[in-house]
PDB file of N, CA and C in Angstrom:
ATOM      1  N   UNK A   1     -98.039  29.864 -16.324  1.00  0.00           N
ATOM      2  CA  UNK A   1     -98.533  30.792 -16.972  1.00  0.00           C
ATOM      3  C   UNK A   1     -99.662  31.451 -16.707  1.00  0.00           C
ATOM      4  N   UNK A   2    -100.500  30.829 -16.354  1.00  0.00           N
ATOM      5  CA  UNK A   2    -101.835  31.692 -15.910  1.00  0.00           C
ATOM      6  C   UNK A   2    -101.644  32.486 -14.613  1.00  0.00           C
ATOM      7  N   UNK A   3    -100.704  32.039 -13.668  1.00  0.00           N
ATOM      8  CA  UNK A   3    -100.423  33.088 -12.479  1.00  0.00           C
ATOM      9  C   UNK A   3     -99.733  34.190 -12.669  1.00  0.00           C
ATOM     10  N   UNK A   4     -98.736  33.854 -13.953  1.00  0.00           N
ATOM     11  CA  UNK A   4     -98.006  35.016 -14.588  1.00  0.00           C
ATOM     12  C   UNK A   4     -98.951  36.165 -15.074  1.00  0.00           C
ATOM     13  N   UNK A   5     -99.787  35.404 -16.104  1.00  0.00           N
ATOM     14  CA  UNK A   5    -100.856  36.216 -16.578  1.00  0.00           C
ATOM     15  C   UNK A   5    -101.558  37.059 -15.593  1.00  0.00           C
ATOM     16  N   UNK A   6    -101.976  36.590 -14.602  1.00  0.00           N
ATOM     17  CA  UNK A   6    -102.923  36.968 -13.837  1.00  0.00           C
ATOM     18  C   UNK A   6    -102.368  38.325 -12.993  1.00  0.00           C
ATOM     19  N   UNK A   7    -100.832  38.074 -12.615  1.00  0.00           N
ATOM     20  CA  UNK A   7    -100.323  39.125 -11.820  1.00  0.00           C
ATOM     21  C   UNK A   7    -100.239  40.170 -12.790  1.00  0.00           C
ATOM     22  N   UNK A   8     -99.724  40.056 -14.161  1.00  0.00           N
ATOM     23  CA  UNK A   8     -99.805  41.190 -14.900  1.00  0.00           C
ATOM     24  C   UNK A   8    -100.991  42.018 -15.206  1.00  0.00           C
ATOM     25  N   UNK A   9    -102.206  41.268 -15.318  1.00  0.00           N
ATOM     26  CA  UNK A   9    -103.381  41.666 -15.316  1.00  0.00           C
ATOM     27  C   UNK A   9    -103.745  42.937 -14.315  1.00  0.00           C
ATOM     28  N   UNK A  10    -103.394  42.275 -12.883  1.00  0.00           N
ATOM     29  CA  UNK A  10    -103.469  43.075 -11.849  1.00  0.00           C
ATOM     30  C   UNK A  10    -102.685  44.059 -11.524  1.00  0.00           C
ATOM     31  N   UNK A  11    -101.471  44.164 -12.583  1.00  0.00           N
ATOM     32  CA  UNK A  11    -100.295  44.905 -12.599  1.00  0.00           C
ATOM     33  C   UNK A  11     -99.417  44.795 -11.253  1.00  0.00           C
ATOM     34  N   UNK A  12     -99.385  43.580 -10.712  1.00  0.00           N
ATOM     35  CA  UNK A  12     -98.739  43.152  -9.776  1.00  0.00           C
ATOM     36  C   UNK A  12     -97.387  42.713 -10.575  1.00  0.00           C
ATOM     37  N   UNK A  13     -96.083  43.122 -10.062  1.00  0.00           N
ATOM     38  CA  UNK A  13     -94.758  42.538 -10.484  1.00  0.00           C
ATOM     39  C   UNK A  13     -94.335  41.585  -9.579  1.00  0.00           C
ATOM     40  N   UNK A  14     -93.972  40.364 -10.171  1.00  0.00           N
ATOM     41  CA  UNK A  14     -93.471  39.184  -9.444  1.00  0.00           C
ATOM     42  C   UNK A  14     -92.289  39.180  -8.751  1.00  0.00           C
ATOM     43  N   UNK A  15     -92.273  38.766  -7.726  1.00  0.00           N
ATOM     44  CA  UNK A  15     -90.990  38.722  -7.087  1.00  0.00           C
ATOM     45  C   UNK A  15     -90.038  37.730  -7.401  1.00  0.00           C
ATOM     46  N   UNK A  16     -90.432  36.844  -8.154  1.00  0.00           N
ATOM     47  CA  UNK A  16     -89.647  35.704  -8.696  1.00  0.00           C
ATOM     48  C   UNK A  16     -88.660  36.364  -9.791  1.00  0.00           C
ATOM     49  N   UNK A  17     -87.680  35.683 -10.067  1.00  0.00           N
ATOM     50  CA  UNK A  17     -86.750  35.901 -10.969  1.00  0.00           C
ATOM     51  C   UNK A  17     -86.883  35.077 -11.992  1.00  0.00           C
ATOM     52  N   UNK A  18     -86.444  35.864 -13.251  1.00  0.00           N
ATOM     53  CA  UNK A  18     -86.353  34.975 -14.400  1.00  0.00           C
ATOM     54  C   UNK A  18     -85.498  34.035 -14.530  1.00  0.00           C
ATOM     55  N   UNK A  19     -85.546  32.967 -15.511  1.00  0.00           N
ATOM     56  CA  UNK A  19     -84.916  32.142 -15.951  1.00  0.00           C
ATOM     57  C   UNK A  19     -83.327  32.537 -16.271  1.00  0.00           C
ATOM     58  N   UNK A  20     -82.320  32.325 -15.467  1.00  0.00           N
ATOM     59  CA  UNK A  20     -80.903  32.628 -15.956  1.00  0.00           C
ATOM     60  C   UNK A  20     -80.377  33.674 -14.826  1.00  0.00           C
ATOM     61  N   UNK A  21     -81.133  34.414 -13.950  1.00  0.00           N
ATOM     62  CA  UNK A  21     -80.742  35.536 -13.033  1.00  0.00           C
ATOM     63  C   UNK A  21     -80.659  34.578 -11.684  1.00  0.00           C
ATOM     64  N   UNK A  22     -79.918  35.044 -10.544  1.00  0.00           N
ATOM     65  CA  UNK A  22     -79.559  34.979  -9.661  1.00  0.00           C
ATOM     66  C   UNK A  22     -80.617  35.633  -8.341  1.00  0.00           C
ATOM     67  N   UNK A  23     -81.499  36.052  -8.559  1.00  0.00           N
ATOM     68  CA  UNK A  23     -81.987  37.112  -7.624  1.00  0.00           C
ATOM     69  C   UNK A  23     -83.028  36.315  -6.703  1.00  0.00           C
ATOM     70  N   UNK A  24     -83.783  35.114  -7.429  1.00  0.00           N
ATOM     71  CA  UNK A  24     -84.542  34.570  -6.690  1.00  0.00           C
ATOM     72  C   UNK A  24     -83.802  33.352  -5.654  1.00  0.00           C
ATOM     73  N   UNK A  25     -82.651  33.288  -5.584  1.00  0.00           N
ATOM     74  CA  UNK A  25     -81.924  32.170  -5.301  1.00  0.00           C
ATOM     75  C   UNK A  25     -80.867  32.543  -4.385  1.00  0.00           C
ATOM     76  N   UNK A  26     -80.449  33.940  -4.421  1.00  0.00           N
ATOM     77  CA  UNK A  26     -79.150  34.331  -3.883  1.00  0.00           C
ATOM     78  C   UNK A  26     -79.440  34.512  -2.400  1.00  0.00           C
ATOM     79  N   UNK A  27     -80.425  34.473  -1.749  1.00  0.00           N
ATOM     80  CA  UNK A  27     -80.839  34.392  -0.232  1.00  0.00           C
ATOM     81  C   UNK A  27     -80.776  32.710   0.237  1.00  0.00           C
ATOM     82  N   UNK A  28     -81.196  32.063  -0.612  1.00  0.00           N
ATOM     83  CA  UNK A  28     -81.377  30.624  -0.343  1.00  0.00           C
ATOM     84  C   UNK A  28     -79.849  30.205  -0.106  1.00  0.00           C
ATOM     85  N   UNK A  29     -79.024  30.600  -1.393  1.00  0.00           N
ATOM     86  CA  UNK A  29     -77.490  30.069  -1.608  1.00  0.00           C
ATOM     87  C   UNK A  29     -76.635  30.507  -0.427  1.00  0.00           C
ATOM     88  N   UNK A  30     -77.251  31.576   0.324  1.00  0.00           N
ATOM     89  CA  UNK A  30     -76.395  32.370   1.295  1.00  0.00           C
ATOM     90  C   UNK A  30     -76.583  31.403   2.435  1.00  0.00           C
ATOM     91  N   UNK A  31     -77.931  31.060   2.870  1.00  0.00           N
ATOM     92  CA  UNK A  31     -78.250  30.452   3.787  1.00  0.00           C
ATOM     93  C   UNK A  31     -77.228  28.931   3.699  1.00  0.00           C
ATOM     94  N   UNK A  32     -77.561  28.385   2.666  1.00  0.00           N
ATOM     95  CA  UNK A  32     -76.784  27.033   2.402  1.00  0.00           C
ATOM     96  C   UNK A  32     -75.445  26.988   2.522  1.00  0.00           C
ATOM     97  N   UNK A  33     -74.848  28.102   2.089  1.00  0.00           N
ATOM     98  CA  UNK A  33     -73.600  28.261   2.221  1.00  0.00           C
ATOM     99  C   UNK A  33     -72.840  28.383   3.576  1.00  0.00           C
ATOM    100  N   UNK A  34     -73.895  29.137   4.555  1.00  0.00           N
ATOM    101  CA  UNK A  34     -73.501  29.270   6.011  1.00  0.00           C
ATOM    102  C   UNK A  34     -73.683  27.659   6.645  1.00  0.00           C
ATOM    103  N   UNK A  35     -74.364  27.230   6.298  1.00  0.00           N
ATOM    104  CA  UNK A  35     -74.961  25.979   6.833  1.00  0.00           C
ATOM    105  C   UNK A  35     -73.818  24.992   6.783  1.00  0.00           C
ATOM    106  N   UNK A  36     -73.475  25.062   5.501  1.00  0.00           N
ATOM    107  CA  UNK A  36     -72.418  24.071   5.103  1.00  0.00           C
ATOM    108  C   UNK A  36     -71.102  24.362   5.941  1.00  0.00           C
ATOM    109  N   UNK A  37     -70.866  25.383   6.008  1.00  0.00           N
ATOM    110  CA  UNK A  37     -69.711  25.933   6.694  1.00  0.00           C
ATOM    111  C   UNK A  37     -69.593  25.963   8.016  1.00  0.00           C
ATOM    112  N   UNK A  38     -70.841  26.308   8.751  1.00  0.00           N
ATOM    113  CA  UNK A  38     -70.962  26.335  10.141  1.00  0.00           C
ATOM    114  C   UNK A  38     -71.391  24.718  10.830  1.00  0.00           C
ATOM    115  N   UNK A  39     -72.105  24.282  10.134  1.00  0.00           N
ATOM    116  CA  UNK A  39     -72.728  22.859  10.651  1.00  0.00           C
ATOM    117  C   UNK A  39     -71.920  21.851   9.971  1.00  0.00           C
ATOM    118  N   UNK A  40     -71.994  21.544   8.558  1.00  0.00           N
ATOM    119  CA  UNK A  40     -71.663  20.381   8.056  1.00  0.00           C
ATOM    120  C   UNK A  40     -70.054  19.951   8.120  1.00  0.00           C
ATOM    121  N   UNK A  41     -69.013  21.396   8.009  1.00  0.00           N
ATOM    122  CA  UNK A  41     -67.934  20.976   7.596  1.00  0.00           C
ATOM    123  C   UNK A  41     -67.174  21.394   8.711  1.00  0.00           C
ATOM    124  N   UNK A  42     -67.910  21.254  10.078  1.00  0.00           N
ATOM    125  CA  UNK A  42     -67.288  21.422  11.371  1.00  0.00           C
ATOM    126  C   UNK A  42     -67.889  20.299  12.091  1.00  0.00           C
ATOM    127  N   UNK A  43     -67.161  20.379  13.391  1.00  0.00           N
ATOM    128  CA  UNK A  43     -67.676  19.258  14.306  1.00  0.00           C
ATOM    129  C   UNK A  43     -68.488  19.975  15.614  1.00  0.00           C
ATOM    130  N   UNK A  44     -68.913  21.296  15.289  1.00  0.00           N
ATOM    131  CA  UNK A  44     -69.359  22.186  16.144  1.00  0.00           C
ATOM    132  C   UNK A  44     -70.716  21.305  16.735  1.00  0.00           C
ATOM    133  N   UNK A  45     -71.787  21.017  15.817  1.00  0.00           N
ATOM    134  CA  UNK A  45     -72.957  20.457  16.335  1.00  0.00           C
ATOM    135  C   UNK A  45     -72.900  19.190  15.981  1.00  0.00           C
ATOM    136  N   UNK A  46     -71.922  18.157  15.747  1.00  0.00           N
ATOM    137  CA  UNK A  46     -71.839  16.769  15.548  1.00  0.00           C
ATOM    138  C   UNK A  46     -70.281  16.528  15.700  1.00  0.00           C
ATOM    139  N   UNK A  47     -69.923  15.301  16.662  1.00  0.00           N
ATOM    140  CA  UNK A  47     -68.963  14.809  16.856  1.00  0.00           C
ATOM    141  C   UNK A  47     -68.672  13.696  15.801  1.00  0.00           C
ATOM    142  N   UNK A  48     -67.486  13.707  15.318  1.00  0.00           N
ATOM    143  CA  UNK A  48     -66.858  12.626  14.116  1.00  0.00           C
ATOM    144  C   UNK A  48     -67.751  12.643  13.111  1.00  0.00           C
ATOM    145  N   UNK A  49     -67.366  11.689  12.154  1.00  0.00           N
ATOM    146  CA  UNK A  49     -67.800  11.565  10.624  1.00  0.00           C
ATOM    147  C   UNK A  49     -69.395  11.580  10.648  1.00  0.00           C
ATOM    148  N   UNK A  50     -69.937  11.761   9.930  1.00  0.00           N
ATOM    149  CA  UNK A  50     -71.502  11.649   9.363  1.00  0.00           C
ATOM    150  C   UNK A  50     -71.455  10.381   9.030  1.00  0.00           C
ATOM    151  N   UNK A  51     -71.994   9.239   9.697  1.00  0.00           N
ATOM    152  CA  UNK A  51     -72.137   7.848   9.168  1.00  0.00           C
ATOM    153  C   UNK A  51     -73.339   7.497   8.538  1.00  0.00           C
ATOM    154  N   UNK A  52     -74.356   8.168   9.449  1.00  0.00           N
ATOM    155  CA  UNK A  52     -75.853   7.928   8.758  1.00  0.00           C
ATOM    156  C   UNK A  52     -76.704   9.282   8.648  1.00  0.00           C
ATOM    157  N   UNK A  53     -77.946   9.191   7.693  1.00  0.00           N
ATOM    158  CA  UNK A  53     -78.753  10.088   7.557  1.00  0.00           C
ATOM    159  C   UNK A  53     -78.877  11.055   9.043  1.00  0.00           C
ATOM    160  N   UNK A  54     -79.429   9.859  10.115  1.00  0.00           N
ATOM    161  CA  UNK A  54     -79.701  10.591  11.411  1.00  0.00           C
ATOM    162  C   UNK A  54     -78.547  11.374  11.930  1.00  0.00           C
ATOM    163  N   UNK A  55     -77.300  11.167  11.661  1.00  0.00           N
ATOM    164  CA  UNK A  55     -76.307  12.063  12.288  1.00  0.00           C
ATOM    165  C   UNK A  55     -76.511  13.446  11.392  1.00  0.00           C
ATOM    166  N   UNK A  56     -76.560  13.564  10.244  1.00  0.00           N
ATOM    167  CA  UNK A  56     -76.763  14.725   9.438  1.00  0.00           C
ATOM    168  C   UNK A  56     -78.080  15.807  10.156  1.00  0.00           C
ATOM    169  N   UNK A  57     -79.246  14.695  10.300  1.00  0.00           N
ATOM    170  CA  UNK A  57     -80.343  15.247  10.713  1.00  0.00           C
ATOM    171  C   UNK A  57     -80.297  16.017  12.108  1.00  0.00           C
ATOM    172  N   UNK A  58     -79.390  15.341  13.136  1.00  0.00           N
ATOM    173  CA  UNK A  58     -79.308  15.823  14.399  1.00  0.00           C
ATOM    174  C   UNK A  58     -78.302  16.751  14.473  1.00  0.00           C
ATOM    175  N   UNK A  59     -77.463  16.877  13.466  1.00  0.00           N
ATOM    176  CA  UNK A  59     -76.520  18.154  13.314  1.00  0.00           C
ATOM    177  C   UNK A  59     -77.493  19.345  12.731  1.00  0.00           C
ATOM    178  N   UNK A  60     -78.271  19.135  11.960  1.00  0.00           N
ATOM    179  CA  UNK A  60     -78.960  20.079  11.162  1.00  0.00           C
ATOM    180  C   UNK A  60     -80.020  20.736  12.469  1.00  0.00           C
ATOM    181  N   UNK A  61     -80.593  19.915  13.221  1.00  0.00           N
ATOM    182  CA  UNK A  61     -81.695  20.383  14.308  1.00  0.00           C
ATOM    183  C   UNK A  61     -80.789  21.263  15.226  1.00  0.00           C
ATOM    184  N   UNK A  62     -79.457  20.883  15.434  1.00  0.00           N
ATOM    185  CA  UNK A  62     -78.801  21.653  16.495  1.00  0.00           C
ATOM    186  C   UNK A  62     -78.456  23.041  15.803  1.00  0.00           C
ATOM    187  N   UNK A  63     -78.085  22.956  14.487  1.00  0.00           N
ATOM    188  CA  UNK A  63     -77.709  24.318  13.826  1.00  0.00           C
ATOM    189  C   UNK A  63     -79.044  25.229  13.924  1.00  0.00           C
ATOM    190  N   UNK A  64     -80.045  24.756  13.547  1.00  0.00           N
ATOM    191  CA  UNK A  64     -81.337  25.437  13.083  1.00  0.00           C
ATOM    192  C   UNK A  64     -81.634  25.760  14.634  1.00  0.00           C
ATOM    193  N   UNK A  65     -81.675  25.203  15.658  1.00  0.00           N
ATOM    194  CA  UNK A  65     -81.669  25.807  16.894  1.00  0.00           C
ATOM    195  C   UNK A  65     -80.883  26.842  17.235  1.00  0.00           C
ATOM    196  N   UNK A  66     -79.695  26.784  17.117  1.00  0.00           N
ATOM    197  CA  UNK A  66     -78.786  27.701  17.433  1.00  0.00           C
ATOM    198  C   UNK A  66     -79.021  28.977  16.484  1.00  0.00           C
ATOM    199  N   UNK A  67     -79.340  28.714  15.314  1.00  0.00           N
ATOM    200  CA  UNK A  67     -79.630  30.004  14.286  1.00  0.00           C
ATOM    201  C   UNK A  67     -80.550  30.690  14.635  1.00  0.00           C
ATOM    202  N   UNK A  68     -81.730  30.053  15.079  1.00  0.00           N
ATOM    203  CA  UNK A  68     -82.960  30.808  15.444  1.00  0.00           C
ATOM    204  C   UNK A  68     -82.736  31.480  16.967  1.00  0.00           C
ATOM    205  N   UNK A  69     -82.217  30.502  17.766  1.00  0.00           N
ATOM    206  CA  UNK A  69     -82.124  30.935  19.223  1.00  0.00           C
ATOM    207  C   UNK A  69     -80.999  31.827  20.004  1.00  0.00           C
ATOM    208  N   UNK A  70     -79.711  31.358  19.387  1.00  0.00           N
ATOM    209  CA  UNK A  70     -78.752  31.880  20.346  1.00  0.00           C
ATOM    210  C   UNK A  70     -77.597  32.646  19.194  1.00  0.00           C
ATOM    211  N   UNK A  71     -77.753  32.692  17.838  1.00  0.00           N
ATOM    212  CA  UNK A  71     -76.687  33.214  17.358  1.00  0.00           C
ATOM    213  C   UNK A  71     -76.817  35.084  17.357  1.00  0.00           C
ATOM    214  N   UNK A  72     -75.757  35.289  17.709  1.00  0.00           N
ATOM    215  CA  UNK A  72     -75.517  36.800  18.023  1.00  0.00           C
ATOM    216  C   UNK A  72     -75.448  37.517  16.430  1.00  0.00           C
ATOM    217  N   UNK A  73     -76.029  38.515  16.273  1.00  0.00           N
ATOM    218  CA  UNK A  73     -76.306  39.204  14.760  1.00  0.00           C
ATOM    219  C   UNK A  73     -75.744  40.718  15.010  1.00  0.00           C
ATOM    220  N   UNK A  74     -74.576  40.897  14.499  1.00  0.00           N
ATOM    221  CA  UNK A  74     -73.819  42.283  14.549  1.00  0.00           C
ATOM    222  C   UNK A  74     -74.753  43.203  14.356  1.00  0.00           C
ATOM    223  N   UNK A  75     -75.767  43.232  13.270  1.00  0.00           N
ATOM    224  CA  UNK A  75     -76.526  44.310  12.848  1.00  0.00           C
ATOM    225  C   UNK A  75     -77.636  44.549  13.808  1.00  0.00           C
ATOM    226  N   UNK A  76     -77.780  43.474  14.691  1.00  0.00           N
ATOM    227  CA  UNK A  76     -78.852  43.889  15.599  1.00  0.00           C
ATOM    228  C   UNK A  76     -78.207  43.856  16.904  1.00  0.00           C
ATOM    229  N   UNK A  77     -77.124  44.669  17.079  1.00  0.00           N
ATOM    230  CA  UNK A  77     -76.652  45.137  18.338  1.00  0.00           C
ATOM    231  C   UNK A  77     -76.151  43.833  19.257  1.00  0.00           C
ATOM    232  N   UNK A  78     -75.668  42.927  18.604  1.00  0.00           N
ATOM    233  CA  UNK A  78     -75.073  41.720  19.156  1.00  0.00           C
ATOM    234  C   UNK A  78     -76.408  41.018  19.928  1.00  0.00           C
ATOM    235  N   UNK A  79     -77.464  40.947  19.408  1.00  0.00           N
ATOM    236  CA  UNK A  79     -78.561  40.268  20.091  1.00  0.00           C
ATOM    237  C   UNK A  79     -78.738  38.956  19.443  1.00  0.00           C
ATOM    238  N   UNK A  80     -79.441  38.043  20.066  1.00  0.00           N
ATOM    239  CA  UNK A  80     -79.783  36.555  19.733  1.00  0.00           C
ATOM    240  C   UNK A  80     -81.097  37.120  18.972  1.00  0.00           C
ATOM    241  N   UNK A  81     -81.678  36.379  17.895  1.00  0.00           N
ATOM    242  CA  UNK A  81     -82.922  36.648  17.196  1.00  0.00           C
ATOM    243  C   UNK A  81     -83.894  36.924  18.310  1.00  0.00           C
ATOM    244  N   UNK A  82     -83.977  35.983  19.075  1.00  0.00           N
ATOM    245  CA  UNK A  82     -84.947  35.890  20.210  1.00  0.00           C
ATOM    246  C   UNK A  82     -85.123  37.396  21.126  1.00  0.00           C
ATOM    247  N   UNK A  83     -83.976  37.503  21.494  1.00  0.00           N
ATOM    248  CA  UNK A  83     -83.649  38.471  22.387  1.00  0.00           C
ATOM    249  C   UNK A  83     -84.405  40.133  21.457  1.00  0.00           C
ATOM    250  N   UNK A  84     -83.732  40.038  20.124  1.00  0.00           N
ATOM    251  CA  UNK A  84     -83.982  41.185  19.260  1.00  0.00           C
ATOM    252  C   UNK A  84     -85.639  41.294  19.234  1.00  0.00           C
ATOM    253  N   UNK A  85     -86.232  39.988  19.101  1.00  0.00           N
ATOM    254  CA  UNK A  85     -87.704  40.141  18.660  1.00  0.00           C
ATOM    255  C   UNK A  85     -88.260  40.193  19.872  1.00  0.00           C
ATOM    256  N   UNK A  86     -88.246  40.018  21.023  1.00  0.00           N
ATOM    257  CA  UNK A  86     -88.557  40.552  22.352  1.00  0.00           C
ATOM    258  C   UNK A  86     -88.559  42.027  22.605  1.00  0.00           C
ATOM    259  N   UNK A  87     -87.427  42.463  22.214  1.00  0.00           N
ATOM    260  CA  UNK A  87     -86.997  44.142  22.705  1.00  0.00           C
ATOM    261  C   UNK A  87     -88.182  44.364  21.701  1.00  0.00           C
ATOM    262  N   UNK A  88     -88.194  44.272  20.233  1.00  0.00           N
ATOM    263  CA  UNK A  88     -88.854  44.857  19.362  1.00  0.00           C
ATOM    264  C   UNK A  88     -90.347  44.924  19.722  1.00  0.00           C
ATOM    265  N   UNK A  89     -91.180  43.863  20.190  1.00  0.00           N
ATOM    266  CA  UNK A  89     -92.404  43.707  20.505  1.00  0.00           C
ATOM    267  C   UNK A  89     -92.717  44.665  21.788  1.00  0.00           C
ATOM    268  N   UNK A  90     -91.526  44.502  22.777  1.00  0.00           N
ATOM    269  CA  UNK A  90     -91.669  45.371  24.015  1.00  0.00           C
ATOM    270  C   UNK A  90     -91.870  46.920  23.831  1.00  0.00           C
ATOM    271  N   UNK A  91     -90.803  47.383  22.753  1.00  0.00           N
ATOM    272  CA  UNK A  91     -91.063  48.404  22.346  1.00  0.00           C
ATOM    273  C   UNK A  91     -92.379  49.185  21.593  1.00  0.00           C
ATOM    274  N   UNK A  92     -92.929  47.901  20.916  1.00  0.00           N
ATOM    275  CA  UNK A  92     -94.014  48.331  20.029  1.00  0.00           C
ATOM    276  C   UNK A  92     -95.331  48.061  20.508  1.00  0.00           C
ATOM    277  N   UNK A  93     -95.477  47.913  21.720  1.00  0.00           N
ATOM    278  CA  UNK A  93     -97.053  47.389  22.462  1.00  0.00           C
ATOM    279  C   UNK A  93     -97.638  48.844  22.595  1.00  0.00           C
ATOM    280  N   UNK A  94     -98.727  48.730  22.083  1.00  0.00           N
ATOM    281  CA  UNK A  94     -99.701  49.862  21.986  1.00  0.00           C
ATOM    282  C   UNK A  94    -100.213  50.036  23.687  1.00  0.00           C
ATOM    283  N   UNK A  95    -100.410  51.126  24.049  1.00  0.00           N
ATOM    284  CA  UNK A  95    -101.314  51.544  25.025  1.00  0.00           C
ATOM    285  C   UNK A  95    -102.686  50.734  24.901  1.00  0.00           C
ATOM    286  N   UNK A  96    -103.314  50.334  26.049  1.00  0.00           N
ATOM    287  CA  UNK A  96    -104.696  49.920  25.956  1.00  0.00           C
ATOM    288  C   UNK A  96    -105.493  51.383  25.654  1.00  0.00           C
ATOM    289  N   UNK A  97    -106.433  51.144  24.879  1.00  0.00           N
ATOM    290  CA  UNK A  97    -107.340  52.221  24.725  1.00  0.00           C
ATOM    291  C   UNK A  97    -108.710  52.137  25.197  1.00  0.00           C
ATOM    292  N   UNK A  98    -108.867  53.461  25.908  1.00  0.00           N
ATOM    293  CA  UNK A  98    -110.063  53.020  26.617  1.00  0.00           C
ATOM    294  C   UNK A  98    -111.362  52.789  25.830  1.00  0.00           C
ATOM    295  N   UNK A  99    -112.435  52.190  26.529  1.00  0.00           N
ATOM    296  CA  UNK A  99    -113.599  51.578  25.643  1.00  0.00           C
ATOM    297  C   UNK A  99    -114.784  52.392  25.902  1.00  0.00           C
TER     298      UNK A  99
END
């Protein structure tokens, strides 16, 4: 309550949704859905059935590595996240300023 009151006093609108709406959970639910579809329900990141927690952890680590480093993103010119980030910073490097 105090946090919410402080935001109101400062004129800051919270980004957190209210009880009963999905705005604060929609991104997370989308990622969880992709994770279940791409990692858990396939054998791409793990061969055979999941028998132990370690099997799920190993598959999850593989999926996260793929998601962050090798996944092609259509809205980003079919570049991987790493390639896109490198291109972004290469294009936005400022010229050295004279001292």
